[in-house]
Amino acid sequence: MITLAPFKALRPEATHAKQVASRPYDVLNSKEAKTEAQGNPHSFLHITKSEISLPEEVDIHSQKVYDAAKENLTAFVSRKVLFRESKPCYYIYQLIMNGKSQTGLVCGSSVNDYENDLIKKHEFTRPEKENDRINHIKTTGAQTGNVFLAYKNVAAIDAVINNWKADRSPVYDFIADDSIQHTIWIVNDNDTITKITELFKTEVPATYIADGHHRAASAAKVRAALGGENSPAGADIFLTTLFPSNQLYIMDYNRVVKDLNGHTAEQLLAAVKEKFDVQPASKAVAPAALHEFGMYINKQWYTLTAKQGTYTTDPIGVLDVTILSDNILAPIFNITDQRTDKRIDFVGGIRGLGELEKRVDSGEMAIAFSLHPVTIQQLFDIADSGNVMPPKSTWFEPKLRDGLLTHLIYDEAEEA
């Protein structure tokens, strides 16, 4: 069963919350982060993307960048933009996007649970991305990035969280520039904290990483580097937000390809028709069901429906990303490793199908494919089977904001 812990969050004064809150560090490049933080000295991007305050020629993975993050974090505290909670608490985080609400519990999840596979994974991690977060955590002493976890919903947990929201005022409540509303409540009552901890320990057999595999892996490796079981107590947990599965929204994750691998458009269509039923469409195709795809080429959309025999029923083989890879990307385009092949790129569904048209019509790409979103049950099935998903299979929205709740791995005495 799952072990959770309350923690003493480093968080902004309420008057600064909207200014501090920033998009996750890994959805922005350095140039975008610099533009977004311009004119806002309170933006948490000064900590998570601290290269924005350094000369452009500085390597973003150099120690200078991590030292700058530490200096900026210290400055935020000294300027009283951020302060540390006086006691360990849980936090309830509600997001509303396009009228759809989802509510999660912000807490410390156990590194032991991660290492013992009670926290399930469905993606491989890349060493260079892990090392970046390891160096950031070790230098700043802070876990600034939230790991997004899912669990199979439990009515008793829902009741505790909903009752707390109904009976108390939030500490933060604002609408960000992207029109997403962020609302946070502090759970500081000892009896309620104990009840939540016990409910997860008795009712939730596992949690699943939805977003944040590199952040989770990095937290585990930082603890090992700091002495494992003898590390600071704060390193035994890592910053997570847990959402019940019935509230999660997975968006499509689409593909664009640079060239037709020597085929004409006519040859390509003929090859696709061997494995798919193909119909021209009068508008952009957002697949309505699993095993249906959209294809855009030469300013024309097509609906593709996978024929029988093009996929298997095992957890990986049944995925639409696998069907596309096995029947189109590999045999027609010779794209066999989507992680490393420079001819393919990925477009999160939040950008819309118009982004696919834009990239093809501009000549940057030759063809685009739209996919139906992976279901949360498919994610659970793959993680439970011990398999990993193909790259870029899931895109979760809305994103949690960095800076509202940070976990420090040292307490005040250790830090001193």
Protein backbone atom coordinates (compact mmCIF):
# COMPACT_ATOMS: atom_id res chain seq x y z
CA MET A 1 0.00 0.00 0.00
CA ILE A 2 1.01 3.58 -0.61
CA THR A 3 2.96 5.71 1.89
CA LEU A 4 2.35 9.47 1.80
CA ALA A 5 3.75 12.23 3.98
CA PRO A 6 2.76 15.83 4.65
CA PHE A 7 5.56 18.37 4.20
CA LYS A 8 6.44 21.96 5.05
CA ALA A 9 6.04 23.62 1.69
CA LEU A 10 8.05 26.59 0.59
CA ARG A 11 5.35 28.74 -0.95
CA PRO A 12 4.56 32.32 -1.97
CA GLU A 13 2.77 34.95 0.01
CA ALA A 14 -0.79 35.06 -1.30
CA THR A 15 -0.30 38.49 -2.89
CA HIS A 16 2.56 37.10 -5.00
CA ALA A 17 1.08 33.71 -5.95
CA LYS A 18 0.00 34.53 -9.49
CA GLN A 19 3.32 36.23 -10.28
CA VAL A 20 5.37 33.39 -8.83
CA ALA A 21 3.44 30.54 -10.49
CA SER A 22 5.14 29.46 -13.69
CA ARG A 23 4.66 26.81 -16.31
CA PRO A 24 6.71 23.62 -15.76
CA TYR A 25 10.38 24.00 -16.64
CA ASP A 26 10.25 21.23 -19.22
CA VAL A 27 7.52 22.72 -21.43
CA LEU A 28 9.56 25.85 -22.20
CA ASN A 29 12.92 26.32 -23.85
CA SER A 30 15.31 28.97 -22.53
CA LYS A 31 14.22 31.63 -25.02
CA GLU A 32 10.52 31.08 -24.26
CA ALA A 33 11.20 31.15 -20.51
CA LYS A 34 13.13 34.41 -20.79
CA THR A 35 10.27 36.00 -22.70
CA GLU A 36 7.67 34.72 -20.24
CA ALA A 37 9.57 35.95 -17.18
CA GLN A 38 10.43 39.35 -18.66
CA GLY A 39 9.33 42.16 -16.39
CA ASN A 40 8.36 39.76 -13.60
CA PRO A 41 11.09 39.45 -10.92
CA HIS A 42 8.86 37.08 -8.93
CA SER A 43 8.50 34.45 -11.69
CA PHE A 44 9.62 31.03 -10.47
CA LEU A 45 11.29 30.58 -13.87
CA HIS A 46 14.21 32.51 -12.35
CA ILE A 47 14.73 29.35 -10.27
CA THR A 48 13.65 26.52 -12.57
CA LYS A 49 15.16 28.07 -15.74
CA SER A 50 17.84 30.18 -14.09
CA GLU A 51 19.89 30.40 -17.29
CA ILE A 52 17.53 33.22 -18.31
CA SER A 53 19.51 35.58 -16.07
CA LEU A 54 22.90 34.50 -17.47
CA PRO A 55 24.67 35.26 -20.78
CA GLU A 56 23.30 33.22 -23.67
CA GLU A 57 26.64 31.50 -24.28
CA VAL A 58 26.51 29.78 -20.87
CA ASP A 59 25.79 26.05 -21.19
CA ILE A 60 22.34 25.47 -19.66
CA HIS A 61 23.70 22.37 -17.91
CA SER A 62 26.73 24.09 -16.39
CA GLN A 63 27.16 24.45 -12.64
CA LYS A 64 26.79 28.23 -13.07
CA VAL A 65 23.13 27.68 -13.94
CA TYR A 66 22.44 25.54 -10.86
CA ASP A 67 24.32 28.00 -8.63
CA ALA A 68 22.19 30.81 -10.05
CA ALA A 69 19.05 28.80 -9.23
CA LYS A 70 20.21 28.46 -5.63
CA GLU A 71 21.03 32.18 -5.40
CA ASN A 72 17.65 33.15 -6.81
CA LEU A 73 15.80 30.78 -4.47
CA THR A 74 17.61 32.29 -1.50
CA ALA A 75 16.80 35.78 -2.76
CA PHE A 76 13.09 34.95 -3.10
CA VAL A 77 13.04 33.94 0.57
CA SER A 78 15.03 36.95 1.74
CA ARG A 79 12.70 39.28 -0.21
CA LYS A 80 9.76 37.54 1.50
CA VAL A 81 8.29 36.44 -1.79
CA LEU A 82 8.45 32.86 -0.50
CA PHE A 83 8.20 31.48 3.02
CA ARG A 84 8.25 28.02 4.57
CA GLU A 85 5.19 26.47 6.21
CA SER A 86 5.50 26.17 10.00
CA LYS A 87 4.29 22.55 10.12
CA PRO A 88 3.96 19.61 7.72
CA CYS A 89 0.70 19.83 5.77
CA TYR A 90 -1.10 18.32 2.83
CA TYR A 91 -2.37 20.62 0.10
CA ILE A 92 -5.38 20.31 -2.20
CA TYR A 93 -4.81 21.61 -5.74
CA GLN A 94 -7.77 22.23 -8.07
CA LEU A 95 -7.39 23.15 -11.74
CA ILE A 96 -10.20 24.27 -14.04
CA MET A 97 -9.68 24.35 -17.82
CA ASN A 98 -12.48 24.97 -20.30
CA GLY A 99 -15.05 24.38 -17.56
CA LYS A 100 -13.59 21.00 -16.60
CA SER A 101 -12.34 20.65 -13.02
CA GLN A 102 -9.84 18.20 -11.52
CA THR A 103 -8.59 18.11 -7.94
CA GLY A 104 -5.45 16.45 -6.60
CA LEU A 105 -3.60 16.01 -3.33
CA VAL A 106 -0.14 17.57 -3.08
CA CYS A 107 2.09 15.54 -0.79
CA GLY A 108 5.39 13.78 -0.37
CA SER A 109 5.46 10.34 -1.97
CA SER A 110 7.87 7.72 -0.73
CA VAL A 111 11.13 7.08 -2.57
CA ASN A 112 10.94 3.55 -1.16
CA ASP A 113 7.57 3.10 -2.89
CA TYR A 114 9.14 4.30 -6.13
CA GLU A 115 12.04 1.89 -5.83
CA ASN A 116 9.74 -1.00 -4.84
CA ASP A 117 7.47 -0.38 -7.86
CA LEU A 118 4.44 0.66 -5.83
CA ILE A 119 4.70 3.82 -7.91
CA LYS A 120 4.28 2.46 -11.42
CA LYS A 121 6.19 3.76 -14.44
CA HIS A 122 5.33 3.60 -18.13
CA GLU A 123 8.23 5.48 -19.76
CA PHE A 124 11.98 5.13 -20.08
CA THR A 125 14.07 8.03 -18.81
CA ARG A 126 17.04 9.70 -20.49
CA PRO A 127 20.27 10.11 -18.48
CA GLU A 128 20.91 13.70 -19.59
CA LYS A 129 17.46 14.81 -18.42
CA GLU A 130 17.89 12.96 -15.12
CA ASN A 131 21.30 14.54 -14.54
CA ASP A 132 19.88 18.00 -15.08
CA ARG A 133 17.28 17.54 -12.32
CA ILE A 134 19.76 15.75 -10.04
CA ASN A 135 22.15 18.69 -10.22
CA HIS A 136 19.30 21.17 -9.74
CA ILE A 137 18.01 19.37 -6.63
CA LYS A 138 21.44 18.82 -5.10
CA THR A 139 22.49 22.44 -5.59
CA THR A 140 19.25 24.13 -4.53
CA GLY A 141 18.23 21.60 -1.88
CA ALA A 142 14.76 21.81 -3.37
CA GLN A 143 12.40 19.72 -5.43
CA THR A 144 10.81 22.44 -7.52
CA GLY A 145 9.09 20.21 -10.09
CA ASN A 146 5.91 18.32 -9.27
CA VAL A 147 5.45 14.66 -10.27
CA PHE A 148 1.90 14.08 -11.53
CA LEU A 149 0.55 10.76 -10.17
CA ALA A 150 -2.74 8.98 -10.81
CA TYR A 151 -4.58 6.44 -8.69
CA LYS A 152 -7.75 4.43 -9.07
CA ASN A 153 -10.32 6.60 -7.36
CA VAL A 154 -11.55 5.80 -3.86
CA ALA A 155 -14.87 7.26 -2.66
CA ALA A 156 -13.67 7.76 0.91
CA ILE A 157 -10.68 9.84 -0.26
CA ASP A 158 -12.92 11.88 -2.55
CA ALA A 159 -15.20 12.62 0.39
CA VAL A 160 -12.41 13.88 2.65
CA ILE A 161 -11.02 16.17 -0.06
CA ASN A 162 -14.42 17.47 -1.18
CA ASN A 163 -15.52 18.17 2.39
CA TRP A 164 -12.34 20.10 3.11
CA LYS A 165 -12.80 22.21 -0.01
CA ALA A 166 -16.42 22.93 0.89
CA ASP A 167 -15.73 23.95 4.48
CA ARG A 168 -12.65 26.15 4.09
CA SER A 169 -11.38 29.04 2.03
CA PRO A 170 -8.46 28.51 -0.33
CA VAL A 171 -5.10 30.14 0.27
CA TYR A 172 -4.60 30.75 -3.47
CA ASP A 173 -7.20 31.26 -6.16
CA PHE A 174 -6.30 32.90 -9.47
CA ILE A 175 -6.71 32.58 -13.21
CA ALA A 176 -3.41 32.37 -15.08
CA ASP A 177 -2.70 34.08 -18.37
CA ASP A 178 -3.67 30.91 -20.26
CA SER A 179 -7.16 31.08 -18.68
CA ILE A 180 -6.59 28.06 -16.39
CA GLN A 181 -7.82 28.59 -12.82
CA HIS A 182 -5.54 27.41 -10.00
CA THR A 183 -6.94 27.02 -6.47
CA ILE A 184 -5.09 25.60 -3.44
CA TRP A 185 -6.28 24.74 0.07
CA ILE A 186 -4.00 23.91 3.02
CA VAL A 187 -4.85 20.77 5.01
CA ASN A 188 -3.28 21.56 8.39
CA ASP A 189 -5.58 19.68 10.78
CA ASN A 190 -3.70 16.77 12.38
CA ASP A 191 -6.68 14.42 12.45
CA THR A 192 -7.45 15.02 8.77
CA ILE A 193 -3.79 14.59 7.85
CA THR A 194 -3.75 11.25 9.67
CA LYS A 195 -6.99 10.16 8.02
CA ILE A 196 -5.68 10.92 4.53
CA THR A 197 -2.42 9.10 5.24
CA GLU A 198 -4.27 6.01 6.50
CA LEU A 199 -6.74 5.96 3.62
CA PHE A 200 -3.94 5.84 1.07
CA LYS A 201 -2.11 3.21 3.10
CA THR A 202 -5.16 0.94 3.28
CA GLU A 203 -7.15 1.71 0.12
CA VAL A 204 -4.62 2.52 -2.63
CA PRO A 205 -2.40 -0.38 -3.69
CA ALA A 206 -0.39 1.63 -6.23
CA THR A 207 -0.03 5.02 -7.89
CA TYR A 208 0.97 5.64 -11.50
CA ILE A 209 3.28 8.29 -12.93
CA ALA A 210 1.26 10.27 -15.43
CA ASP A 211 3.85 13.00 -15.99
CA GLY A 212 7.27 13.44 -14.40
CA HIS A 213 9.27 10.23 -14.85
CA HIS A 214 12.56 12.15 -14.91
CA ARG A 215 11.70 14.15 -11.78
CA ALA A 216 10.82 10.97 -9.89
CA ALA A 217 13.94 9.11 -11.01
CA SER A 218 16.10 12.10 -10.13
CA ALA A 219 14.66 12.32 -6.61
CA ALA A 220 15.52 8.66 -6.00
CA LYS A 221 19.07 9.13 -7.29
CA VAL A 222 19.58 12.24 -5.18
CA ARG A 223 18.65 10.28 -2.06
CA ALA A 224 21.10 7.55 -3.02
CA ALA A 225 23.84 10.13 -3.60
CA LEU A 226 23.16 11.74 -0.21
CA GLY A 227 23.52 8.46 1.65
CA GLY A 228 20.45 6.36 0.90
CA GLU A 229 18.77 5.39 4.16
CA ASN A 230 21.15 7.78 5.97
CA SER A 231 20.25 10.77 3.79
CA PRO A 232 18.39 13.82 5.14
CA ALA A 233 14.81 12.86 6.04
CA GLY A 234 13.44 15.23 3.41
CA ALA A 235 15.13 13.22 0.67
CA ASP A 236 13.03 10.15 1.56
CA ILE A 237 10.03 11.73 -0.17
CA PHE A 238 9.52 13.62 -3.40
CA LEU A 239 7.03 16.28 -4.44
CA THR A 240 3.90 14.80 -6.03
CA THR A 241 0.28 15.61 -6.77
CA LEU A 242 -2.10 12.63 -6.82
CA PHE A 243 -5.22 12.74 -8.96
CA PRO A 244 -8.04 10.17 -8.98
CA SER A 245 -8.29 8.48 -12.36
CA ASN A 246 -11.91 9.52 -12.97
CA GLN A 247 -10.87 13.20 -13.10
CA LEU A 248 -7.92 12.98 -15.46
CA TYR A 249 -7.90 14.27 -19.01
CA ILE A 250 -5.39 12.86 -21.48
CA MET A 251 -5.04 14.78 -24.73
CA ASP A 252 -3.92 13.52 -28.10
CA TYR A 253 -0.21 13.47 -28.94
CA ASN A 254 0.21 13.86 -32.68
CA ARG A 255 3.02 13.29 -35.18
CA VAL A 256 4.55 15.25 -38.08
CA VAL A 257 7.12 13.82 -40.50
CA LYS A 258 9.65 15.83 -42.54
CA ASP A 259 9.57 13.88 -45.83
CA LEU A 260 7.82 11.03 -47.63
CA ASN A 261 10.93 8.81 -47.70
CA GLY A 262 11.13 8.94 -51.48
CA HIS A 263 7.46 8.19 -52.12
CA THR A 264 5.07 10.34 -54.13
CA ALA A 265 1.80 11.27 -52.44
CA GLU A 266 0.00 8.75 -54.68
CA GLN A 267 2.40 5.94 -53.74
CA LEU A 268 2.02 6.84 -50.09
CA LEU A 269 -1.78 6.68 -50.23
CA ALA A 270 -1.63 3.32 -51.99
CA ALA A 271 0.67 1.92 -49.31
CA VAL A 272 -1.53 3.25 -46.48
CA LYS A 273 -4.63 1.69 -48.05
CA GLU A 274 -3.12 -1.77 -47.68
CA LYS A 275 -3.57 -1.57 -43.88
CA PHE A 276 -6.24 1.12 -43.43
CA ASP A 277 -9.61 2.11 -44.81
CA VAL A 278 -8.97 5.60 -46.20
CA GLN A 279 -11.61 8.30 -46.71
CA PRO A 280 -11.05 11.95 -47.76
CA ALA A 281 -12.32 14.43 -45.15
CA SER A 282 -13.66 17.93 -45.65
CA LYS A 283 -12.13 19.27 -42.42
CA ALA A 284 -9.41 18.49 -39.87
CA VAL A 285 -9.75 14.99 -38.46
CA ALA A 286 -9.91 14.59 -34.71
CA PRO A 287 -10.24 10.80 -34.41
CA ALA A 288 -13.53 9.89 -32.76
CA ALA A 289 -12.50 6.44 -31.52
CA LEU A 290 -9.50 4.25 -30.88
CA HIS A 291 -7.84 2.81 -34.03
CA GLU A 292 -8.97 5.79 -36.09
CA PHE A 293 -6.42 8.34 -37.35
CA GLY A 294 -6.27 11.59 -39.25
CA MET A 295 -3.70 12.14 -42.02
CA TYR A 296 -2.90 15.53 -43.57
CA ILE A 297 -0.92 15.89 -46.80
CA ASN A 298 -1.00 18.40 -49.68
CA LYS A 299 -3.71 20.46 -47.89
CA GLN A 300 -6.03 17.45 -47.71
CA TRP A 301 -7.21 15.55 -44.63
CA TYR A 302 -8.01 11.83 -44.68
CA THR A 303 -9.64 9.57 -42.10
CA LEU A 304 -7.77 6.28 -41.63
CA THR A 305 -9.38 3.30 -39.90
CA ALA A 306 -7.11 0.38 -39.01
CA LYS A 307 -8.11 -2.90 -40.65
CA GLN A 308 -8.37 -6.18 -38.76
CA GLY A 309 -4.97 -7.78 -38.36
CA THR A 310 -3.04 -4.55 -38.08
CA TYR A 311 -2.79 -4.76 -34.29
CA THR A 312 -2.73 -7.22 -31.41
CA THR A 313 -4.68 -7.21 -28.14
CA ASP A 314 -1.71 -7.03 -25.74
CA PRO A 315 -1.33 -3.75 -23.77
CA ILE A 316 1.31 -2.33 -26.12
CA GLY A 317 0.12 -3.76 -29.42
CA VAL A 318 -3.38 -2.35 -29.04
CA LEU A 319 -2.17 1.24 -28.66
CA ASP A 320 -2.80 3.59 -31.57
CA VAL A 321 0.79 4.87 -31.37
CA THR A 322 1.93 1.27 -31.89
CA ILE A 323 -0.50 0.73 -34.78
CA LEU A 324 0.76 3.88 -36.48
CA SER A 325 4.38 2.91 -35.91
CA ASP A 326 4.08 -0.72 -37.04
CA ASN A 327 1.93 -0.08 -40.12
CA ILE A 328 2.99 3.35 -41.39
CA LEU A 329 6.00 4.97 -39.74
CA ALA A 330 8.32 1.95 -39.84
CA PRO A 331 7.41 0.22 -43.13
CA ILE A 332 6.65 3.32 -45.23
CA PHE A 333 8.83 6.04 -43.72
CA ASN A 334 11.61 3.84 -42.28
CA ILE A 335 11.20 5.53 -38.89
CA THR A 336 11.99 2.70 -36.47
CA ASP A 337 13.10 4.65 -33.39
CA GLN A 338 10.89 7.64 -32.67
CA ARG A 339 13.09 8.67 -29.74
CA THR A 340 16.12 9.39 -31.91
CA ASP A 341 14.94 9.85 -35.51
CA LYS A 342 15.23 13.53 -36.44
CA ARG A 343 12.66 13.20 -39.26
CA ILE A 344 9.72 12.96 -36.84
CA ASP A 345 8.40 15.46 -34.34
CA PHE A 346 5.56 15.43 -31.82
CA VAL A 347 2.78 17.96 -31.30
CA GLY A 348 0.78 18.00 -28.06
CA GLY A 349 -2.97 18.17 -28.49
CA ILE A 350 -3.14 21.44 -26.56
CA ARG A 351 -1.77 23.13 -29.70
CA GLY A 352 -4.75 21.97 -31.79
CA LEU A 353 -4.98 20.41 -35.25
CA GLY A 354 -4.29 23.80 -36.80
CA GLU A 355 -0.69 23.43 -35.66
CA LEU A 356 -0.39 20.26 -37.74
CA GLU A 357 -1.72 22.06 -40.81
CA LYS A 358 0.60 25.01 -40.19
CA ARG A 359 3.72 22.87 -40.01
CA VAL A 360 2.85 20.92 -43.16
CA ASP A 361 1.61 23.90 -45.21
CA SER A 362 4.78 25.85 -44.35
CA GLY A 363 6.90 23.14 -45.95
CA GLU A 364 8.68 22.39 -42.68
CA MET A 365 6.98 18.99 -42.61
CA ALA A 366 5.55 16.82 -45.39
CA ILE A 367 2.76 15.00 -43.60
CA ALA A 368 0.91 14.94 -40.26
CA PHE A 369 -1.01 12.29 -38.31
CA SER A 370 -3.61 12.97 -35.63
CA LEU A 371 -4.31 10.28 -33.03
CA HIS A 372 -7.05 9.46 -30.56
CA PRO A 373 -5.85 10.03 -26.97
CA VAL A 374 -4.57 7.09 -24.94
CA THR A 375 -7.06 6.15 -22.22
CA ILE A 376 -6.16 6.17 -18.54
CA GLN A 377 -7.03 2.46 -18.41
CA GLN A 378 -4.51 1.76 -21.18
CA LEU A 379 -1.87 3.61 -19.15
CA PHE A 380 -2.72 1.53 -16.06
CA ASP A 381 -2.67 -1.74 -18.03
CA ILE A 382 0.76 -1.04 -19.47
CA ALA A 383 2.25 0.05 -16.14
CA ASP A 384 0.76 -2.97 -14.37
CA SER A 385 2.20 -5.30 -17.02
CA GLY A 386 5.69 -3.90 -16.48
CA ASN A 387 5.88 -2.58 -20.03
CA VAL A 388 6.65 0.93 -21.21
CA MET A 389 4.71 3.01 -23.69
CA PRO A 390 6.15 4.13 -27.00
CA PRO A 391 7.63 7.65 -26.77
CA LYS A 392 5.32 10.65 -26.62
CA SER A 393 2.14 8.67 -26.04
CA THR A 394 0.37 10.82 -23.45
CA TRP A 395 -0.17 14.55 -23.04
CA PHE A 396 -1.88 15.66 -19.84
CA GLU A 397 -3.60 19.00 -19.47
CA PRO A 398 -3.91 21.20 -17.56
CA LYS A 399 -0.37 21.43 -16.19
CA LEU A 400 0.44 22.11 -12.55
CA ARG A 401 2.28 25.37 -11.94
CA ASP A 402 5.78 25.40 -10.52
CA GLY A 403 6.55 27.62 -7.53
CA LEU A 404 3.27 27.40 -5.65
CA LEU A 405 4.45 24.47 -3.52
CA THR A 406 8.12 23.48 -3.30
CA HIS A 407 9.62 20.70 -1.20
CA LEU A 408 12.94 21.37 0.55
CA ILE A 409 14.96 18.24 1.26
CA TYR A 410 16.66 19.76 4.31
CA ASP A 411 15.05 21.10 7.44
CA GLU A 412 16.25 24.37 8.91
CA ALA A 413 18.78 22.72 11.26
CA GLU A 414 20.34 20.58 8.51
CA GLU A 415 20.50 23.55 6.16
CA ALA A 416 22.24 25.67 8.75
